[in-house]
Amino acid sequence: MPVCDNCGQHAPKLARFCTSCGTPLEVHSGTELEWLLPMIADLIEPIDLVKSSIEEPDDESPDGVTDIRLDLTRVAIQIANSDGFISSDEAAVFGEIARLLNPTMATFDAEAFAYFLRDLAPQLNPLSETYPSFIMTYLEAFDRGHGTNYTEKARAMLFRFANCIAKADGTISPPEQKALAELKRVLFQSSNSDSAEIRNNPEGTLVAEAATPLDVLLSQLNSLVGLESVKRDVTQLVNFLKVQQLRQAQGMSAPPVSRHLVFYGNPGTGKTTIARLLAQIYRALGVLSKGHLVETDRAGLVAGYVGQTALKTKEVVKSATGGVLFIDEAYALAASGGGQDFGQEAIETLLKLMEDNRGDLIVVVAGYTGRMKDFIGANPGLKSRFNRFLSFADYSPSQLVEIFRLFCKQASFTLTELSEQELHSLFTALFERRDESFGNARLARNVFEQAINNQASRIVLMTEIDEAVLSSIEPADIPPVLDAADM
């Protein structure tokens, strides 16, 4: 905390004026990122209030500054590393954060700091739907309960800071422009409806909103393209849980059954989507208290130093308690890359925490079919806890066309009859040559994005462009098989 030179009193975190005598605190002056300070200071209290309401009594005091610093770090690396290299100019701008948040920090060498950030980059996931912002989760909850707009302030702060990083070396490169556009899309999309809603009750404490009705969730499940066997398995699981609850209501015994799941299949087959729905279904059934989903992978659980992996895994599990922890490519935890590997420590810690939190935590591990079966079978602890397997089949060419149509509908595009035939031929050719890296829905999205890029190049020089031309995807816009195969 800063100390006032006039009265000697400690001031609050990041304060710019002494709260006792009003004397300006000059410790943060003279930086090009000085605008960041009042924005950060404005966000600390609502973050800390929400964290205090949801954390256990014996947890350490909430520290909104740490969460803000982590989000700023992730944004800085996401933008600076978008072209594959973090320059010393970019590191120097990012280093201002460290000095702002720690005024006593000595000067640093920008080039050395750049090397540090390059080493850190693979360990930090960028802000995305999969790894959303820490601070906005708390601020959205606070805003819902108090009618405030702190979330919008956080979005503006993170995006403005991202632009500072992009302009650090005097120019914004095409990869940086693309990274900024993606960050803007993630930051300013509508609030995540999959997260547990939080509001204020009359007593002023934060509580969860009512769960989505089960019939609504099952309707959403059945409306998904394909996934017929998964839909049957989930429906069977729901029926089983209902009967278990009926038995308990009649005073009958309900044998303990593991509710943890293994999802296996190729990329893009809807595993994360089903995990999100399952989290809400479990909540609607009263199995889980919150019904939120926390997604992670090996990088989110395993640290690079002795003793840190258990702590890192514990924090992730803690954030998922009350909901579903989804571990993508879970088999990577058991991968042996030579040298000292801490994946096994993560597995052992996870198994213990699953037992400790068995009443309000469900873990879903996901990955390629063969690798997941080997992963579960190689560890007796995993084998005893994961005995339900859901198989995610590849989408057929017709289903890929249907998914493509959904992308068109969301973006106000239309497919002509001939372009739909061309698209079906493309997906058929790609489906027949597929391997375990076949992208499924991700492939459909990539083909859609390439198609609308091709459409733009086709019509940009036309003299007469109306709404029909702007919205229509023609056969010429569908990428050829060779180009699509690279996607």
Protein backbone atom coordinates (compact mmCIF):
# COMPACT_ATOMS: atom_id res chain seq x y z
CA MET A 1 0.00 0.00 0.00
CA PRO A 2 1.25 3.54 -0.75
CA VAL A 3 2.20 5.74 2.22
CA CYS A 4 1.41 9.46 2.36
CA ASP A 5 4.55 11.64 2.70
CA ASN A 6 2.50 14.32 4.49
CA CYS A 7 0.72 12.39 7.27
CA GLY A 8 2.38 8.98 7.07
CA GLN A 9 -0.92 7.13 6.75
CA HIS A 10 -1.32 4.09 4.51
CA ALA A 11 -3.62 4.65 1.55
CA PRO A 12 -5.84 2.00 -0.13
CA LYS A 13 -4.55 -0.10 -3.00
CA LEU A 14 -3.67 2.00 -6.05
CA ALA A 15 -4.92 5.20 -4.38
CA ARG A 16 -3.88 8.45 -6.04
CA PHE A 17 -4.77 10.69 -3.07
CA CYS A 18 -4.37 10.14 0.66
CA THR A 19 -7.74 9.30 2.20
CA SER A 20 -6.70 10.97 5.48
CA CYS A 21 -5.40 14.36 4.37
CA GLY A 22 -6.04 14.46 0.61
CA THR A 23 -2.37 14.86 -0.35
CA PRO A 24 -1.66 13.63 -3.93
CA LEU A 25 0.33 10.40 -4.04
CA GLU A 26 2.90 10.76 -6.80
CA VAL A 27 4.17 7.20 -6.89
CA HIS A 28 2.32 6.40 -10.14
CA SER A 29 3.00 9.53 -12.13
CA GLY A 30 4.89 9.78 -15.37
CA THR A 31 3.73 6.67 -17.19
CA GLU A 32 2.01 6.36 -20.56
CA LEU A 33 -0.41 3.90 -19.00
CA GLU A 34 -1.40 6.16 -16.13
CA TRP A 35 -5.01 6.09 -17.35
CA LEU A 36 -5.08 2.43 -16.29
CA LEU A 37 -4.81 3.18 -12.59
CA PRO A 38 -8.19 4.78 -11.90
CA MET A 39 -9.88 2.10 -14.01
CA ILE A 40 -8.23 -0.67 -12.01
CA ALA A 41 -8.94 1.04 -8.71
CA ASP A 42 -12.62 1.30 -9.67
CA LEU A 43 -12.91 -2.45 -10.25
CA ILE A 44 -11.17 -3.83 -7.18
CA GLU A 45 -13.99 -3.45 -4.66
CA PRO A 46 -16.79 -5.14 -6.66
CA ILE A 47 -14.48 -8.04 -7.53
CA ASP A 48 -13.46 -8.49 -3.90
CA LEU A 49 -17.08 -8.31 -2.70
CA VAL A 50 -18.20 -11.08 -5.05
CA LYS A 51 -15.17 -13.24 -4.26
CA SER A 52 -15.82 -12.84 -0.53
CA SER A 53 -19.40 -14.03 -0.99
CA ILE A 54 -18.52 -17.26 -2.80
CA GLU A 55 -15.22 -18.36 -1.25
CA GLU A 56 -14.85 -20.58 1.77
CA PRO A 57 -14.43 -18.92 5.20
CA ASP A 58 -10.89 -20.22 5.59
CA ASP A 59 -9.74 -18.93 2.20
CA GLU A 60 -7.22 -16.13 1.95
CA SER A 61 -8.57 -12.60 1.63
CA PRO A 62 -9.81 -11.88 -1.90
CA ASP A 63 -7.43 -9.87 -4.02
CA GLY A 64 -8.98 -8.27 -7.08
CA VAL A 65 -5.63 -6.78 -8.09
CA THR A 66 -4.24 -10.27 -8.69
CA ASP A 67 -7.16 -11.21 -10.95
CA ILE A 68 -6.85 -7.95 -12.88
CA ARG A 69 -3.11 -8.40 -13.27
CA LEU A 70 -3.61 -11.94 -14.61
CA ASP A 71 -6.18 -10.79 -17.18
CA LEU A 72 -3.93 -7.93 -18.30
CA THR A 73 -1.03 -10.38 -18.61
CA ARG A 74 -3.10 -12.73 -20.74
CA VAL A 75 -4.25 -9.88 -22.99
CA ALA A 76 -0.72 -8.51 -23.38
CA ILE A 77 0.70 -11.88 -24.38
CA GLN A 78 -2.27 -12.66 -26.63
CA ILE A 79 -1.69 -9.51 -28.66
CA ALA A 80 2.11 -9.29 -28.49
CA ASN A 81 2.59 -12.94 -29.41
CA SER A 82 0.02 -12.91 -32.24
CA ASP A 83 2.81 -12.61 -34.81
CA GLY A 84 4.86 -15.29 -33.05
CA PHE A 85 7.34 -12.94 -31.41
CA ILE A 86 7.19 -10.66 -28.36
CA SER A 87 9.42 -7.65 -28.99
CA SER A 88 11.29 -5.62 -26.40
CA ASP A 89 9.07 -2.60 -27.26
CA GLU A 90 5.97 -4.63 -26.44
CA ALA A 91 7.62 -5.95 -23.28
CA ALA A 92 8.49 -2.40 -22.20
CA VAL A 93 4.86 -1.31 -22.45
CA PHE A 94 3.70 -4.40 -20.61
CA GLY A 95 6.35 -3.78 -17.96
CA GLU A 96 4.52 -0.58 -17.09
CA ILE A 97 1.82 -2.76 -15.52
CA ALA A 98 4.33 -4.22 -13.10
CA ARG A 99 5.52 -0.76 -12.14
CA LEU A 100 1.99 0.59 -11.80
CA LEU A 101 0.93 -2.23 -9.52
CA ASN A 102 4.22 -2.21 -7.60
CA PRO A 103 5.56 1.37 -7.40
CA THR A 104 8.65 0.25 -5.47
CA MET A 105 9.75 -1.98 -8.33
CA ALA A 106 13.20 -1.18 -9.68
CA THR A 107 13.77 -0.45 -13.36
CA PHE A 108 13.99 -3.49 -15.62
CA ASP A 109 15.69 -4.45 -18.85
CA ALA A 110 13.06 -4.58 -21.61
CA GLU A 111 14.87 -7.23 -23.64
CA ALA A 112 15.25 -9.50 -20.62
CA PHE A 113 11.59 -8.93 -19.80
CA ALA A 114 10.66 -9.88 -23.37
CA TYR A 115 12.48 -13.22 -22.93
CA PHE A 116 10.51 -13.75 -19.72
CA LEU A 117 7.20 -13.11 -21.50
CA ARG A 118 8.15 -15.46 -24.34
CA ASP A 119 8.73 -18.22 -21.80
CA LEU A 120 5.45 -17.37 -20.07
CA ALA A 121 3.36 -17.29 -23.26
CA PRO A 122 2.78 -21.08 -23.62
CA GLN A 123 1.61 -21.30 -19.99
CA LEU A 124 -1.16 -18.67 -20.23
CA ASN A 125 -4.33 -19.29 -22.19
CA PRO A 126 -5.71 -16.26 -24.08
CA LEU A 127 -9.04 -14.67 -23.26
CA SER A 128 -11.61 -16.69 -25.18
CA GLU A 129 -14.87 -18.57 -24.72
CA THR A 130 -12.80 -21.51 -23.48
CA TYR A 131 -10.67 -19.43 -21.09
CA PRO A 132 -12.83 -16.42 -20.24
CA SER A 133 -11.81 -13.36 -18.27
CA PHE A 134 -11.46 -13.88 -14.52
CA ILE A 135 -12.57 -10.37 -13.59
CA MET A 136 -15.62 -10.21 -15.83
CA THR A 137 -17.07 -13.35 -14.23
CA TYR A 138 -17.11 -11.52 -10.91
CA LEU A 139 -18.15 -8.16 -12.34
CA GLU A 140 -21.08 -9.62 -14.28
CA ALA A 141 -22.31 -11.12 -11.01
CA PHE A 142 -21.92 -7.81 -9.20
CA ASP A 143 -23.66 -5.85 -11.97
CA ARG A 144 -26.64 -8.22 -11.96
CA GLY A 145 -27.03 -7.76 -8.24
CA HIS A 146 -26.53 -3.99 -8.05
CA GLY A 147 -27.59 -2.57 -11.42
CA THR A 148 -24.08 -1.24 -12.11
CA ASN A 149 -21.94 -1.35 -15.27
CA TYR A 150 -18.52 -2.45 -14.04
CA THR A 151 -18.39 -5.18 -16.68
CA GLU A 152 -18.46 -2.60 -19.47
CA LYS A 153 -15.66 -0.67 -17.76
CA ALA A 154 -13.57 -3.84 -17.59
CA ARG A 155 -14.18 -4.59 -21.27
CA ALA A 156 -13.12 -1.07 -22.22
CA MET A 157 -10.03 -1.26 -20.01
CA LEU A 158 -8.84 -4.61 -21.40
CA PHE A 159 -9.42 -3.63 -25.03
CA ARG A 160 -7.79 -0.20 -24.64
CA PHE A 161 -4.79 -1.86 -23.04
CA ALA A 162 -4.64 -4.39 -25.89
CA ASN A 163 -4.41 -1.51 -28.36
CA CYS A 164 -1.50 -0.02 -26.38
CA ILE A 165 0.36 -3.32 -26.69
CA ALA A 166 -0.39 -3.59 -30.43
CA LYS A 167 0.91 -0.05 -31.08
CA ALA A 168 4.02 -0.47 -28.90
CA ASP A 169 6.42 -0.92 -31.83
CA GLY A 170 4.87 1.88 -33.90
CA THR A 171 2.66 -0.18 -36.19
CA ILE A 172 -0.19 -2.68 -35.91
CA SER A 173 0.65 -5.72 -38.03
CA PRO A 174 -2.01 -7.84 -39.79
CA PRO A 175 -1.68 -10.64 -37.17
CA GLU A 176 -2.13 -8.05 -34.42
CA GLN A 177 -5.18 -6.63 -36.22
CA LYS A 178 -6.66 -10.13 -36.36
CA ALA A 179 -5.84 -10.74 -32.68
CA LEU A 180 -7.46 -7.43 -31.70
CA ALA A 181 -10.58 -8.28 -33.68
CA GLU A 182 -10.82 -11.69 -32.00
CA LEU A 183 -10.27 -10.18 -28.56
CA LYS A 184 -12.96 -7.57 -29.24
CA ARG A 185 -15.39 -10.29 -30.30
CA VAL A 186 -14.72 -12.27 -27.11
CA LEU A 187 -14.87 -9.24 -24.81
CA PHE A 188 -17.99 -7.62 -26.20
CA GLN A 189 -20.13 -10.65 -26.90
CA SER A 190 -23.28 -10.95 -24.80
CA SER A 191 -22.95 -12.29 -21.27
CA ASN A 192 -22.34 -16.01 -21.00
CA SER A 193 -25.73 -17.59 -20.44
CA ASP A 194 -24.03 -20.85 -19.55
CA SER A 195 -22.60 -19.40 -16.36
CA ALA A 196 -24.51 -19.62 -13.12
CA GLU A 197 -26.58 -16.46 -12.68
CA ILE A 198 -25.97 -14.49 -9.46
CA ARG A 199 -28.15 -11.77 -7.95
CA ASN A 200 -28.79 -10.02 -4.62
CA ASN A 201 -31.48 -11.32 -2.30
CA PRO A 202 -33.36 -9.00 0.09
CA GLU A 203 -30.70 -9.57 2.76
CA GLY A 204 -28.03 -8.31 0.37
CA THR A 205 -26.09 -11.55 -0.04
CA LEU A 206 -25.31 -13.05 -3.42
CA VAL A 207 -27.30 -16.13 -4.39
CA ALA A 208 -27.73 -18.23 -7.51
CA GLU A 209 -30.65 -17.60 -9.88
CA ALA A 210 -33.18 -20.36 -10.47
CA ALA A 211 -31.97 -23.21 -12.66
CA THR A 212 -33.20 -23.53 -16.24
CA PRO A 213 -36.11 -26.02 -16.31
CA LEU A 214 -35.12 -29.57 -17.21
CA ASP A 215 -37.56 -29.84 -20.13
CA VAL A 216 -36.06 -26.69 -21.70
CA LEU A 217 -32.54 -28.13 -21.39
CA LEU A 218 -33.58 -31.46 -22.89
CA SER A 219 -35.26 -29.60 -25.76
CA GLN A 220 -31.99 -27.75 -26.38
CA LEU A 221 -30.15 -31.08 -26.34
CA ASN A 222 -32.49 -32.68 -28.87
CA SER A 223 -32.32 -29.65 -31.18
CA LEU A 224 -28.57 -30.11 -31.74
CA VAL A 225 -27.41 -31.38 -35.13
CA GLY A 226 -26.47 -35.08 -35.09
CA LEU A 227 -25.10 -36.66 -31.88
CA GLU A 228 -27.90 -39.22 -31.78
CA SER A 229 -26.07 -41.73 -29.59
CA VAL A 230 -24.99 -38.97 -27.20
CA LYS A 231 -28.57 -37.73 -26.91
CA ARG A 232 -29.72 -41.28 -26.05
CA ASP A 233 -26.96 -41.67 -23.46
CA VAL A 234 -27.74 -38.32 -21.80
CA THR A 235 -31.48 -39.09 -21.74
CA GLN A 236 -30.75 -42.49 -20.18
CA LEU A 237 -28.52 -40.81 -17.58
CA VAL A 238 -31.25 -38.28 -16.74
CA ASN A 239 -33.81 -41.07 -16.35
CA PHE A 240 -31.46 -43.00 -14.08
CA LEU A 241 -30.89 -39.97 -11.84
CA LYS A 242 -34.64 -39.31 -11.65
CA VAL A 243 -35.29 -42.89 -10.52
CA GLN A 244 -32.50 -42.62 -7.95
CA GLN A 245 -34.20 -39.54 -6.53
CA LEU A 246 -37.59 -41.31 -6.46
CA ARG A 247 -36.06 -44.21 -4.55
CA GLN A 248 -34.54 -41.84 -2.03
CA ALA A 249 -37.88 -40.05 -1.63
CA GLN A 250 -39.48 -43.39 -0.72
CA GLY A 251 -36.78 -44.12 1.85
CA MET A 252 -35.18 -46.76 -0.36
CA SER A 253 -31.45 -47.13 -0.78
CA ALA A 254 -29.82 -45.55 -3.80
CA PRO A 255 -26.50 -47.28 -4.55
CA PRO A 256 -23.60 -44.84 -5.01
CA VAL A 257 -22.73 -44.49 -8.67
CA SER A 258 -19.93 -42.46 -10.20
CA ARG A 259 -21.29 -39.49 -12.13
CA HIS A 260 -17.99 -38.57 -13.76
CA LEU A 261 -17.84 -39.01 -17.53
CA VAL A 262 -15.46 -39.75 -20.38
CA PHE A 263 -16.15 -38.06 -23.73
CA TYR A 264 -14.24 -39.46 -26.67
CA GLY A 265 -14.24 -38.54 -30.33
CA ASN A 266 -12.57 -36.32 -32.90
CA PRO A 267 -12.33 -32.51 -32.58
CA GLY A 268 -15.40 -30.40 -33.26
CA THR A 269 -17.96 -33.06 -32.41
CA GLY A 270 -19.77 -31.06 -29.73
CA LYS A 271 -18.09 -32.37 -26.58
CA THR A 272 -17.86 -28.96 -24.92
CA THR A 273 -21.43 -28.08 -25.91
CA ILE A 274 -22.74 -31.27 -24.33
CA ALA A 275 -20.65 -30.68 -21.21
CA ARG A 276 -22.23 -27.22 -20.80
CA LEU A 277 -25.74 -28.65 -21.17
CA LEU A 278 -24.96 -31.50 -18.77
CA ALA A 279 -23.79 -29.03 -16.11
CA GLN A 280 -27.15 -27.26 -16.31
CA ILE A 281 -29.08 -30.53 -16.45
CA TYR A 282 -27.33 -31.75 -13.30
CA ARG A 283 -28.22 -28.48 -11.61
CA ALA A 284 -31.85 -28.72 -12.69
CA LEU A 285 -31.95 -32.20 -11.13
CA GLY A 286 -30.44 -30.88 -7.90
CA VAL A 287 -27.23 -32.85 -8.37
CA LEU A 288 -25.08 -29.71 -8.58
CA SER A 289 -25.49 -26.43 -6.71
CA LYS A 290 -24.35 -24.00 -9.43
CA GLY A 291 -24.38 -25.77 -12.78
CA HIS A 292 -21.50 -23.85 -14.32
CA LEU A 293 -18.73 -25.25 -16.51
CA VAL A 294 -15.00 -24.72 -16.05
CA GLU A 295 -12.87 -25.79 -19.00
CA THR A 296 -9.19 -26.59 -18.72
CA ASP A 297 -6.44 -28.80 -20.13
CA ARG A 298 -2.96 -29.97 -19.16
CA ALA A 299 -1.59 -26.41 -19.23
CA GLY A 300 -4.28 -25.32 -16.79
CA LEU A 301 -3.42 -28.05 -14.27
CA VAL A 302 0.30 -28.70 -14.56
CA ALA A 303 2.98 -26.26 -13.42
CA GLY A 304 6.67 -26.28 -14.25
CA TYR A 305 8.09 -26.50 -10.75
CA VAL A 306 7.99 -28.92 -7.84
CA GLY A 307 5.03 -28.38 -5.55
CA GLN A 308 3.14 -25.97 -7.81
CA THR A 309 1.06 -28.49 -9.76
CA ALA A 310 -0.98 -29.58 -6.74
CA LEU A 311 -1.74 -25.94 -5.90
CA LYS A 312 -2.66 -25.15 -9.50
CA THR A 313 -4.94 -28.18 -9.76
CA LYS A 314 -6.57 -27.33 -6.43
CA GLU A 315 -7.41 -23.81 -7.62
CA VAL A 316 -9.01 -25.10 -10.82
CA VAL A 317 -11.07 -27.70 -8.95
CA LYS A 318 -12.12 -25.07 -6.42
CA SER A 319 -13.41 -22.83 -9.21
CA ALA A 320 -15.39 -25.77 -10.67
CA THR A 321 -16.95 -26.99 -7.40
CA GLY A 322 -20.71 -26.78 -7.70
CA GLY A 323 -20.46 -27.47 -11.43
CA VAL A 324 -18.61 -29.47 -14.06
CA LEU A 325 -14.85 -29.50 -14.62
CA PHE A 326 -14.19 -30.25 -18.29
CA ILE A 327 -10.62 -31.41 -19.03
CA ASP A 328 -9.89 -31.42 -22.76
CA GLU A 329 -7.20 -33.74 -24.15
CA ALA A 330 -6.94 -35.24 -20.67
CA TYR A 331 -4.62 -38.01 -21.90
CA ALA A 332 -1.87 -35.37 -22.13
CA LEU A 333 -1.68 -35.49 -18.33
CA ALA A 334 -0.21 -38.97 -18.57
CA ALA A 335 2.08 -38.19 -21.50
CA SER A 336 5.72 -38.78 -20.73
CA GLY A 337 7.90 -36.22 -22.44
CA GLY A 338 11.09 -37.23 -20.67
CA GLY A 339 12.69 -35.46 -17.75
CA GLN A 340 10.62 -34.39 -14.78
CA ASP A 341 6.94 -34.34 -15.64
CA PHE A 342 4.23 -33.27 -13.20
CA GLY A 343 1.23 -34.69 -15.04
CA GLN A 344 0.99 -37.63 -12.67
CA GLU A 345 0.95 -35.25 -9.70
CA ALA A 346 -2.00 -33.46 -11.31
CA ILE A 347 -3.84 -36.77 -11.75
CA GLU A 348 -3.27 -37.85 -8.15
CA THR A 349 -4.33 -34.43 -6.82
CA LEU A 350 -7.41 -34.47 -9.04
CA LEU A 351 -8.46 -37.93 -7.86
CA LYS A 352 -8.26 -36.89 -4.22
CA LEU A 353 -10.21 -33.68 -4.82
CA MET A 354 -12.87 -35.59 -6.77
CA GLU A 355 -13.37 -37.76 -3.70
CA ASP A 356 -13.34 -34.80 -1.30
CA ASN A 357 -15.95 -32.94 -3.40
CA ARG A 358 -17.92 -35.91 -4.70
CA GLY A 359 -21.24 -34.41 -3.59
CA ASP A 360 -20.95 -31.22 -5.67
CA LEU A 361 -18.41 -31.74 -8.45
CA ILE A 362 -18.53 -33.68 -11.68
CA VAL A 363 -15.45 -34.15 -13.83
CA VAL A 364 -15.61 -34.79 -17.57
CA VAL A 365 -12.43 -35.86 -19.33
CA ALA A 366 -12.34 -35.66 -23.12
CA GLY A 367 -10.10 -36.49 -26.06
CA TYR A 368 -9.45 -38.81 -28.99
CA THR A 369 -11.05 -42.25 -28.74
CA GLY A 370 -8.01 -44.54 -28.55
CA ARG A 371 -5.95 -42.24 -26.37
CA MET A 372 -8.75 -41.75 -23.84
CA LYS A 373 -9.31 -45.50 -23.45
CA ASP A 374 -5.58 -45.99 -22.88
CA PHE A 375 -5.51 -43.06 -20.44
CA ILE A 376 -8.36 -44.37 -18.28
CA GLY A 377 -7.13 -47.96 -18.41
CA ALA A 378 -3.59 -47.07 -17.33
CA ASN A 379 -4.57 -45.77 -13.89
CA PRO A 380 -6.68 -47.80 -11.40
CA GLY A 381 -7.88 -44.61 -9.70
CA LEU A 382 -9.18 -43.19 -12.98
CA LYS A 383 -10.73 -46.50 -13.98
CA SER A 384 -12.70 -46.71 -10.74
CA ARG A 385 -14.07 -43.18 -10.99
CA PHE A 386 -14.81 -42.97 -14.72
CA ASN A 387 -17.14 -45.73 -15.85
CA ARG A 388 -19.50 -43.85 -18.17
CA PHE A 389 -18.29 -43.31 -21.71
CA LEU A 390 -20.01 -41.12 -24.30
CA SER A 391 -18.92 -41.60 -27.91
CA PHE A 392 -19.03 -38.56 -30.20
CA ALA A 393 -19.23 -39.69 -33.81
CA ASP A 394 -18.01 -37.58 -36.73
CA TYR A 395 -20.67 -35.48 -38.44
CA SER A 396 -21.86 -36.82 -41.80
CA PRO A 397 -21.58 -34.64 -44.93
CA SER A 398 -25.30 -33.82 -44.72
CA GLN A 399 -24.95 -32.81 -41.06
CA LEU A 400 -21.95 -30.61 -41.91
CA VAL A 401 -24.08 -28.86 -44.53
CA GLU A 402 -26.78 -28.35 -41.89
CA ILE A 403 -24.21 -26.85 -39.51
CA PHE A 404 -22.97 -24.61 -42.34
CA ARG A 405 -26.58 -23.45 -42.86
CA LEU A 406 -26.77 -22.51 -39.16
CA PHE A 407 -23.67 -20.33 -39.55
CA CYS A 408 -25.30 -18.72 -42.58
CA LYS A 409 -28.51 -18.05 -40.67
CA GLN A 410 -26.66 -16.48 -37.73
CA ALA A 411 -24.75 -14.16 -40.07
CA SER A 412 -27.62 -13.35 -42.49
CA PHE A 413 -26.28 -15.29 -45.47
CA THR A 414 -28.17 -17.65 -47.78
CA LEU A 415 -27.05 -20.67 -49.77
CA THR A 416 -28.25 -21.07 -53.35
CA GLU A 417 -29.32 -24.56 -54.39
CA LEU A 418 -26.23 -24.99 -56.55
CA SER A 419 -23.89 -23.76 -53.82
CA GLU A 420 -25.45 -26.23 -51.37
CA GLN A 421 -24.78 -29.06 -53.83
CA GLU A 422 -21.19 -27.85 -54.20
CA LEU A 423 -20.85 -27.70 -50.44
CA HIS A 424 -22.18 -31.24 -50.00
CA SER A 425 -19.69 -32.54 -52.58
CA LEU A 426 -16.88 -30.77 -50.72
CA PHE A 427 -17.82 -32.21 -47.33
CA THR A 428 -18.28 -35.68 -48.84
CA ALA A 429 -14.77 -35.61 -50.29
CA LEU A 430 -13.29 -34.43 -47.00
CA PHE A 431 -15.33 -36.93 -44.97
CA GLU A 432 -14.11 -39.86 -47.05
CA ARG A 433 -10.44 -39.00 -46.48
CA ARG A 434 -10.82 -38.06 -42.79
CA ASP A 435 -8.54 -39.19 -39.96
CA GLU A 436 -8.57 -38.47 -36.21
CA SER A 437 -7.75 -34.80 -36.88
CA PHE A 438 -10.96 -34.31 -38.90
CA GLY A 439 -12.38 -30.98 -37.72
CA ASN A 440 -16.14 -31.67 -37.96
CA ALA A 441 -18.06 -28.52 -36.86
CA ARG A 442 -14.80 -26.56 -36.69
CA LEU A 443 -14.17 -27.55 -40.30
CA ALA A 444 -17.68 -26.34 -41.22
CA ARG A 445 -16.97 -23.01 -39.53
CA ASN A 446 -13.62 -22.62 -41.31
CA VAL A 447 -15.21 -23.43 -44.69
CA PHE A 448 -17.96 -20.87 -43.94
CA GLU A 449 -15.42 -18.17 -43.08
CA GLN A 450 -13.46 -18.90 -46.26
CA ALA A 451 -16.67 -18.86 -48.31
CA ILE A 452 -17.70 -15.40 -47.09
CA ASN A 453 -14.15 -14.14 -47.70
CA ASN A 454 -14.37 -15.49 -51.26
CA GLN A 455 -17.80 -13.88 -51.64
CA ALA A 456 -16.42 -10.52 -50.56
CA SER A 457 -13.59 -10.74 -53.10
CA ARG A 458 -16.11 -11.68 -55.80
CA ILE A 459 -18.57 -8.84 -55.26
CA VAL A 460 -16.37 -5.98 -54.06
CA LEU A 461 -15.77 -4.65 -57.59
CA MET A 462 -19.35 -5.09 -58.81
CA THR A 463 -21.09 -1.88 -59.84
CA GLU A 464 -24.54 -2.83 -58.52
CA ILE A 465 -24.66 -4.51 -55.12
CA ASP A 466 -28.01 -5.04 -53.42
CA GLU A 467 -29.09 -7.01 -50.36
CA ALA A 468 -29.52 -10.22 -52.35
CA VAL A 469 -25.97 -10.00 -53.69
CA LEU A 470 -24.56 -9.23 -50.24
CA SER A 471 -26.29 -12.19 -48.60
CA SER A 472 -25.99 -14.86 -51.29
CA ILE A 473 -23.22 -17.50 -51.24
CA GLU A 474 -22.69 -18.82 -54.77
CA PRO A 475 -20.92 -22.04 -55.92
CA ALA A 476 -17.83 -19.97 -56.80
CA ASP A 477 -17.52 -18.94 -53.16
CA ILE A 478 -17.20 -22.51 -51.86
CA PRO A 479 -13.47 -23.28 -51.47
CA PRO A 480 -12.02 -26.18 -53.48
CA VAL A 481 -11.25 -29.51 -51.79
CA LEU A 482 -7.50 -28.92 -51.59
CA ASP A 483 -7.91 -25.55 -49.86
CA ALA A 484 -10.54 -26.93 -47.47
CA ALA A 485 -8.33 -29.92 -46.61
CA ASP A 486 -5.73 -27.51 -45.21
CA MET A 487 -8.34 -26.20 -42.77
